[in-house]
Amino acid sequence: MSTGSWGLALDLVLPDSEGLNTLLGIQEVTKTPILVLTGKEDMKLHTTLVQKGAMDVIIKGSMPSVKLLWNIWRCIQCIPNS
C-alpha cells in the first residue's frame, strides 16, 4: 500500500493566495493531481486552470455528490500505481 499523496482538492481562495497563483504555487511543491473547487463562475479562468494542469474545475454546489466523487476517482486514476 502506498503512503504517498493520492490527490488534492483545492479551493482557489486561500488566506495567502488566490486564483491561478494558488494552483501554480501548489504545483511547485507536488506533482499530485489537483481538482479545483471554486465559487467563481469564470470560464476563462477555468479554462486557464485546466490548461495549466488542473484535472478539472468544479463550481461549488453545482453538481451532485456522485459527479463530485466521479471527478475525485478520475484524479486518483491518474496517479501511478493507484
Protein backbone atom coordinates (compact mmCIF):
# COMPACT_ATOMS: atom_id res chain seq x y z
CA MET A 1 0.00 0.00 0.00
CA SER A 2 1.30 3.42 -0.96
CA THR A 3 1.77 6.06 1.72
CA GLY A 4 2.11 8.99 -0.72
CA SER A 5 -0.44 11.60 -1.70
CA TRP A 6 -3.22 10.45 -4.00
CA GLY A 7 -4.87 13.72 -4.95
CA LEU A 8 -5.71 17.18 -3.79
CA ALA A 9 -8.95 19.16 -3.79
CA LEU A 10 -8.05 22.83 -3.83
CA ASP A 11 -10.09 25.95 -3.10
CA LEU A 12 -8.91 28.87 -5.24
CA VAL A 13 -9.15 31.41 -2.43
CA LEU A 14 -6.71 30.81 0.43
CA PRO A 15 -5.51 33.30 3.06
CA ASP A 16 -2.21 33.92 1.25
CA SER A 17 -3.07 33.10 -2.38
CA GLU A 18 -5.90 33.39 -4.88
CA GLY A 19 -6.82 32.16 -8.35
CA LEU A 20 -4.23 30.79 -10.76
CA ASN A 21 -1.42 31.64 -8.33
CA THR A 22 -2.89 29.14 -5.86
CA LEU A 23 -2.69 26.30 -8.41
CA LEU A 24 0.79 27.26 -9.60
CA GLY A 25 2.09 27.53 -6.03
CA ILE A 26 0.85 24.05 -5.13
CA GLN A 27 2.31 22.63 -8.35
CA GLU A 28 5.74 23.95 -7.34
CA VAL A 29 5.83 21.54 -4.40
CA THR A 30 3.90 18.48 -5.63
CA LYS A 31 3.03 16.52 -8.74
CA THR A 32 -0.21 15.32 -7.11
CA PRO A 33 -3.26 15.65 -9.38
CA ILE A 34 -5.32 18.70 -8.39
CA LEU A 35 -9.09 19.05 -8.57
CA VAL A 36 -10.00 22.73 -8.17
CA LEU A 37 -13.14 23.71 -6.23
CA THR A 38 -14.33 27.29 -6.59
CA GLY A 39 -17.31 29.54 -6.14
CA LYS A 40 -16.27 31.60 -9.17
CA GLU A 41 -18.17 31.05 -12.40
CA ASP A 42 -15.40 32.35 -14.67
CA MET A 43 -14.99 30.12 -17.73
CA LYS A 44 -11.83 31.93 -18.88
CA LEU A 45 -10.20 31.23 -15.51
CA HIS A 46 -11.46 27.62 -15.51
CA THR A 47 -10.01 27.04 -18.99
CA THR A 48 -6.67 28.54 -17.93
CA LEU A 49 -6.56 26.37 -14.80
CA VAL A 50 -7.07 23.18 -16.83
CA GLN A 51 -4.51 24.31 -19.42
CA LYS A 52 -2.04 24.86 -16.57
CA GLY A 53 -2.57 21.36 -15.18
CA ALA A 54 -5.69 21.18 -13.02
CA MET A 55 -7.50 17.87 -13.55
CA ASP A 56 -10.85 19.66 -13.51
CA VAL A 57 -12.56 22.74 -12.10
CA ILE A 58 -15.79 22.34 -10.16
CA ILE A 59 -18.05 25.19 -9.12
CA LYS A 60 -19.07 24.62 -5.50
CA GLY A 61 -22.64 23.39 -5.17
CA SER A 62 -23.04 22.95 -8.93
CA MET A 63 -23.10 19.16 -9.16
CA PRO A 64 -24.50 16.14 -7.37
CA SER A 65 -22.25 14.27 -4.94
CA VAL A 66 -21.99 11.34 -7.35
CA LYS A 67 -20.41 13.53 -10.04
CA LEU A 68 -18.00 15.02 -7.50
CA LEU A 69 -16.99 11.51 -6.41
CA TRP A 70 -16.50 10.57 -10.09
CA ASN A 71 -14.12 13.52 -10.53
CA ILE A 72 -12.17 12.54 -7.42
CA TRP A 73 -11.95 8.93 -8.67
CA ARG A 74 -10.65 10.21 -12.04
CA CYS A 75 -7.93 12.16 -10.22
CA ILE A 76 -6.89 9.05 -8.32
CA GLN A 77 -6.68 7.03 -11.54
CA CYS A 78 -4.07 9.45 -12.92
CA ILE A 79 -1.62 8.54 -10.18
CA PRO A 80 0.85 5.77 -10.98
CA ASN A 81 0.17 2.53 -9.05
CA SER A 82 -3.29 3.63 -7.89
